[in-house]
Protein backbone atom coordinates (compact mmCIF):
# COMPACT_ATOMS: atom_id res chain seq x y z
CA MET A 1 -17.44 1.96 24.96
CA LYS A 2 -19.96 3.46 22.57
CA ALA A 3 -18.48 5.28 19.60
CA VAL A 4 -18.89 9.03 19.20
CA PHE A 5 -20.06 10.07 15.74
CA LYS A 6 -19.24 13.39 14.14
CA SER A 7 -20.55 14.68 10.86
CA GLY A 8 -18.09 14.60 7.99
CA THR A 9 -16.61 17.58 6.20
CA GLY A 10 -18.31 19.30 3.31
CA LYS A 11 -16.27 17.13 0.90
CA ALA A 12 -17.50 13.86 2.37
CA PRO A 13 -20.76 12.13 1.37
CA SER A 14 -23.64 12.52 3.83
CA ASP A 15 -23.52 8.81 4.74
CA GLN A 16 -19.82 8.92 5.65
CA PHE A 17 -18.91 9.69 9.27
CA VAL A 18 -15.92 10.01 11.51
CA VAL A 19 -16.08 7.70 14.52
CA THR A 20 -13.78 7.65 17.56
CA TYR A 21 -12.96 4.85 20.02
CA LEU A 22 -10.95 4.88 23.23
CA MET A 23 -7.98 2.59 23.84
CA GLY A 24 -9.20 -0.96 24.52
CA ASP A 25 -12.63 -0.50 22.94
CA ILE A 26 -13.89 -3.30 20.69
CA ILE A 27 -14.78 -1.85 17.29
CA PHE A 28 -16.43 -5.08 16.14
CA SER A 29 -16.29 -8.75 17.12
CA GLU A 30 -15.78 -11.93 15.15
CA GLY A 31 -19.17 -13.22 14.00
CA ASP A 32 -20.86 -9.80 13.99
CA LEU A 33 -22.90 -8.89 10.94
CA GLY A 34 -21.28 -5.89 9.32
CA THR A 35 -21.99 -3.66 6.35
CA GLU A 36 -19.27 -1.08 6.93
CA MET A 37 -15.51 -0.77 6.58
CA PHE A 38 -13.14 1.67 8.26
CA ILE A 39 -10.11 3.78 7.33
CA ILE A 40 -7.80 4.85 10.16
CA GLN A 41 -7.30 8.62 10.41
CA ALA A 42 -5.42 8.56 13.71
CA GLY A 43 -4.28 5.92 16.20
CA THR A 44 -3.64 2.18 16.03
CA VAL A 45 -6.03 -0.77 15.66
CA GLU A 46 -5.41 -4.48 16.35
CA ILE A 47 -7.12 -7.21 14.33
CA PHE A 48 -7.30 -10.44 16.34
CA LYS A 49 -8.85 -13.89 16.05
CA LYS A 50 -9.21 -16.97 18.25
CA ILE A 51 -7.23 -19.86 16.77
CA GLY A 52 -6.98 -23.16 18.64
CA GLY A 53 -8.50 -21.56 21.75
CA LYS A 54 -5.85 -18.84 21.82
CA GLN A 55 -6.32 -15.18 20.93
CA ASN A 56 -3.88 -14.25 18.16
CA VAL A 57 -3.20 -10.75 16.87
CA LEU A 58 -3.30 -11.02 13.07
CA SER A 59 -2.18 -7.48 12.31
CA THR A 60 -1.61 -4.05 13.80
CA LEU A 61 -2.93 -1.23 11.62
CA GLU A 62 -2.04 2.45 11.63
CA LYS A 63 -3.03 5.70 9.92
CA GLY A 64 -4.05 5.14 6.30
CA ASP A 65 -4.78 1.41 6.75
CA PHE A 66 -8.28 0.05 6.22
CA PHE A 67 -10.14 -2.92 7.70
CA GLY A 68 -13.58 -4.54 7.79
CA GLU A 69 -13.87 -4.51 4.00
CA MET A 70 -14.69 -8.24 3.68
CA SER A 71 -18.14 -7.75 5.20
CA VAL A 72 -18.79 -4.91 2.75
CA LEU A 73 -17.77 -7.11 -0.19
CA GLU A 74 -19.53 -10.32 0.84
CA GLU A 75 -22.23 -9.29 3.33
CA MET A 76 -20.94 -12.05 5.60
CA PRO A 77 -20.26 -12.08 9.36
CA ARG A 78 -16.94 -10.63 10.52
CA THR A 79 -14.11 -13.18 10.30
CA ALA A 80 -12.02 -11.48 13.01
CA SER A 81 -12.33 -8.87 15.75
CA ALA A 82 -11.00 -5.31 15.81
CA ARG A 83 -9.84 -3.47 18.94
CA ALA A 84 -8.53 0.05 19.48
CA LYS A 85 -4.91 -0.35 20.61
CA THR A 86 -4.79 3.41 21.24
CA ASP A 87 -7.44 6.09 21.07
CA VAL A 88 -8.44 6.05 17.40
CA GLU A 89 -10.31 8.14 14.87
CA LEU A 90 -11.82 6.24 11.95
CA VAL A 91 -13.67 7.05 8.76
CA ARG A 92 -16.71 4.76 8.54
CA ILE A 93 -17.74 3.80 4.98
CA ASN A 94 -20.93 1.96 4.05
CA GLN A 95 -21.60 -0.14 0.95
CA THR A 96 -22.94 2.71 -1.18
CA THR A 97 -19.92 4.93 -0.53
CA PHE A 98 -17.56 1.97 -0.99
CA ASP A 99 -19.02 1.14 -4.42
CA GLN A 100 -18.60 4.77 -5.49
CA MET A 101 -14.97 4.80 -4.31
CA ILE A 102 -14.11 1.68 -6.33
CA LYS A 103 -15.80 3.00 -9.48
CA ASN A 104 -14.13 6.41 -9.26
CA ASN A 105 -10.60 5.33 -8.29
CA THR A 106 -9.05 2.10 -9.58
CA GLU A 107 -6.03 2.62 -7.32
CA ILE A 108 -8.21 1.81 -4.31
CA ALA A 109 -9.13 -1.57 -5.80
CA VAL A 110 -5.47 -2.32 -6.61
CA ARG A 111 -4.37 -1.39 -3.08
CA MET A 112 -7.02 -3.67 -1.62
CA MET A 113 -5.87 -6.58 -3.78
CA ARG A 114 -2.31 -6.14 -2.53
CA LYS A 115 -3.51 -6.05 1.07
CA PHE A 116 -5.69 -9.15 0.60
CA SER A 117 -2.68 -11.07 -0.72
CA ARG A 118 -0.48 -10.02 2.20
CA ARG A 119 -3.18 -10.78 4.78
CA LEU A 120 -3.72 -14.25 3.29
CA ARG A 121 -0.04 -15.07 3.71
CA GLU A 122 0.04 -13.66 7.26
CA THR A 123 -3.09 -15.58 8.30
CA THR A 124 -1.77 -18.81 6.79
CA ASP A 125 1.49 -18.44 8.72
CA MET A 126 -0.50 -17.80 11.91
CA LEU A 127 -2.64 -20.90 11.38
CA GLU A 128 0.39 -23.09 10.67
CA GLU A 129 2.10 -21.89 13.84
CA ALA A 130 -1.03 -22.51 15.95
CA LEU A 131 -1.80 -25.93 14.46
CA GLY A 132 1.79 -27.10 14.15
CA ARG A 133 1.38 -28.18 10.53
CA LYS A 134 1.01 -26.88 7.02
CA VAL A 135 -2.49 -25.81 6.04
CA GLY A 136 -1.75 -25.54 2.32
CA PRO A 137 0.58 -23.57 0.10
CA VAL A 138 -0.17 -19.93 -0.44
CA GLU A 139 1.59 -19.97 -3.75
CA SER A 140 3.20 -22.71 -5.83
CA THR A 141 6.90 -23.33 -5.22
CA SER A 142 9.33 -25.95 -6.44
CA THR A 143 11.41 -27.79 -3.84
CA SER A 144 14.12 -28.38 -6.43
CA THR A 145 14.60 -24.67 -7.13
CA SER A 146 17.15 -22.82 -5.04
CA PRO A 147 16.21 -19.37 -3.79
CA PRO A 148 17.57 -16.55 -5.94
CA PRO A 149 20.82 -15.03 -4.75
CA PRO A 150 20.59 -11.65 -3.01
CA PRO A 151 21.25 -8.63 -5.23
CA PRO A 152 24.82 -7.38 -5.20
CA ALA A 153 25.56 -4.66 -2.71
CA ARG A 154 25.52 -1.16 -4.05
CA LYS A 155 28.84 0.64 -4.05
CA GLU A 156 29.09 2.86 -1.01
CA HIS A 157 30.69 5.72 -2.94
CA GLU A 158 27.88 5.91 -5.51
CA VAL A 159 24.81 8.15 -5.21
CA TYR A 160 21.55 7.38 -7.05
CA ARG A 161 19.21 10.25 -7.88
CA LEU A 162 16.30 11.44 -9.97
CA VAL A 163 16.91 15.01 -11.12
CA SER A 164 14.65 17.45 -12.95
CA LYS A 165 16.03 18.71 -16.25
CA ASP A 166 16.94 22.09 -14.78
CA GLY A 167 18.75 20.38 -11.90
CA LYS A 168 16.27 21.25 -9.15
CA PRO A 169 14.72 19.59 -7.32
CA GLU A 170 16.52 16.29 -7.02
CA PHE A 171 15.41 13.12 -5.25
CA HIS A 172 17.74 10.51 -3.74
CA LEU A 173 16.88 6.84 -4.20
CA ASN A 174 17.00 4.29 -1.39
CA ARG A 175 20.40 2.65 -1.07
CA ASN A 176 18.76 -0.62 -0.01
CA GLY A 177 15.57 -2.11 -1.42
CA ASP A 178 13.29 -0.52 -3.98
CA THR A 179 12.22 3.12 -4.36
CA LEU A 180 8.55 3.99 -4.90
CA ILE A 181 7.78 7.05 -7.03
CA GLY A 182 4.38 8.75 -6.91
CA ARG A 183 2.21 11.38 -5.21
CA GLY A 184 1.71 11.46 -1.46
CA ASP A 185 -1.82 11.14 -0.10
CA PRO A 186 -2.37 11.78 3.64
CA VAL A 187 -5.95 10.46 3.46
CA THR A 188 -4.99 6.95 2.35
CA GLY A 189 -1.56 7.08 4.00
CA ILE A 190 0.40 6.63 0.77
CA ASN A 191 3.91 8.08 1.26
CA PRO A 192 6.13 7.32 -1.74
CA ASP A 193 9.90 7.41 -1.29
CA VAL A 194 10.06 9.96 -4.12
CA ASP A 195 7.07 12.30 -3.77
CA ILE A 196 6.72 14.45 -6.90
CA THR A 197 3.48 16.14 -5.85
CA SER A 198 5.12 19.59 -5.96
CA LEU A 199 6.10 19.09 -9.62
CA ASP A 200 2.84 17.52 -10.76
CA THR A 201 0.42 20.45 -10.85
CA GLN A 202 -1.83 18.59 -13.32
CA ARG A 203 -2.01 15.46 -11.11
CA SER A 204 -0.86 13.25 -13.98
CA THR A 205 1.12 10.92 -11.72
CA SER A 206 -0.55 8.10 -9.80
CA ARG A 207 -0.11 7.86 -6.05
CA ARG A 208 1.80 4.58 -6.48
CA HIS A 209 3.21 5.14 -9.96
CA ALA A 210 6.44 3.15 -10.41
CA LYS A 211 9.37 1.53 -8.63
CA ILE A 212 13.12 1.54 -9.24
CA TYR A 213 15.20 -1.40 -8.02
CA GLN A 214 18.19 -3.57 -8.90
CA ILE A 215 18.22 -6.94 -10.65
CA ASP A 216 21.68 -8.57 -10.83
CA GLY A 217 23.37 -5.22 -10.38
CA VAL A 218 21.35 -3.43 -13.08
CA PHE A 219 18.77 -0.79 -12.19
CA HIS A 220 15.24 -1.36 -13.48
CA LEU A 221 12.08 0.73 -13.64
CA MET A 222 8.66 -0.93 -13.33
CA GLU A 223 5.22 0.68 -13.61
CA GLU A 224 2.74 -0.20 -10.89
CA ILE A 225 -0.68 -1.71 -11.62
CA GLY A 226 -3.49 0.81 -12.12
CA VAL A 227 -1.40 3.68 -13.53
CA MET A 228 -3.44 5.79 -15.92
CA ASN A 229 -1.01 8.19 -17.64
CA GLY A 230 1.92 5.97 -18.44
CA THR A 231 5.60 5.62 -17.54
CA TYR A 232 8.37 6.22 -20.07
CA ILE A 233 12.09 5.64 -20.56
CA ASN A 234 13.51 8.07 -23.15
CA ASP A 235 9.94 8.60 -24.48
CA LYS A 236 9.30 4.86 -24.85
CA ARG A 237 6.24 3.76 -22.87
CA LEU A 238 6.61 0.81 -20.48
CA ALA A 239 4.27 -2.14 -20.19
CA THR A 240 2.64 -2.31 -16.75
CA GLY A 241 4.36 -4.73 -14.37
CA THR A 242 7.35 -5.35 -16.66
CA PRO A 243 10.77 -4.27 -15.32
CA SER A 244 12.90 -2.39 -17.86
CA PRO A 245 16.62 -1.63 -17.41
CA ILE A 246 17.71 1.98 -16.95
CA LYS A 247 21.15 3.58 -17.00
CA ASP A 248 22.78 6.84 -16.01
CA GLY A 249 21.39 9.71 -18.09
CA ASP A 250 18.09 8.07 -19.07
CA VAL A 251 15.06 10.37 -18.98
CA LEU A 252 12.26 8.75 -17.00
CA LYS A 253 8.80 10.24 -17.32
CA PHE A 254 6.03 9.60 -14.80
CA GLY A 255 2.79 10.82 -16.35
CA LEU A 256 3.82 14.30 -17.53
CA ILE A 257 6.82 14.65 -15.18
CA PRO A 258 10.30 13.97 -16.67
CA LEU A 259 13.22 13.20 -14.36
CA VAL A 260 16.78 12.20 -15.27
CA PHE A 261 18.24 9.08 -13.64
CA ARG A 262 21.74 9.78 -12.35
CA ILE A 263 24.52 7.65 -10.84
CA THR A 264 27.34 9.78 -9.46
CA ASN A 265 30.37 9.26 -7.25
CA ASN A 266 30.09 10.67 -3.78
């Protein structure tokens, strides 16, 4: 069904539009020439491709996800098809707007790199399953190296928090897996586990600023790629992408926002 175009808000560039599709509509097909990418504002989109004569769904995308960016980058035909799994509302971005976005916000470029890496692995797995053989390693591994042991379980009676110096507010960390600290952004769909937007009136914290996780039972803090205003442990700045151990009572600073790391008994 033909898309319905609506003019953007006053904040959006004149060449950026909102476009809607009904459930089942094809947004674009594999082989189409495309010069636009899309960001999902509402609904769900399926990306699918014919592999070995069979239609395979490569990914299911939701609010905040983007797709179609390869044609914008390379000016090449679409490598897969996109279909509205539900009624959807999309932001349509052309090459000019895309170039401006990348120049003005390095976090967008970093997020795209992460997504490219994940999509490459997912597509490779799909091809191997369809063809019944390996199509090439995604990343180098050694067959003689055993997988690392899982991290030790956290003690059930312990509580892990980030607390402002005056005691309020406080943020609980995930008991399992890592905890992302940053600023929420409904436009791009970034929802950090610890959202310090309310504390960061000067917007000094990146949307994906840092992560806290365990290595061999010890908590570590690691700054994400693309952070502009730094991450600190007790006023010592961290190197991007390098995990640094933290302990109870350490003052962690994200941009201009200090929070105390606490481990307490429940």
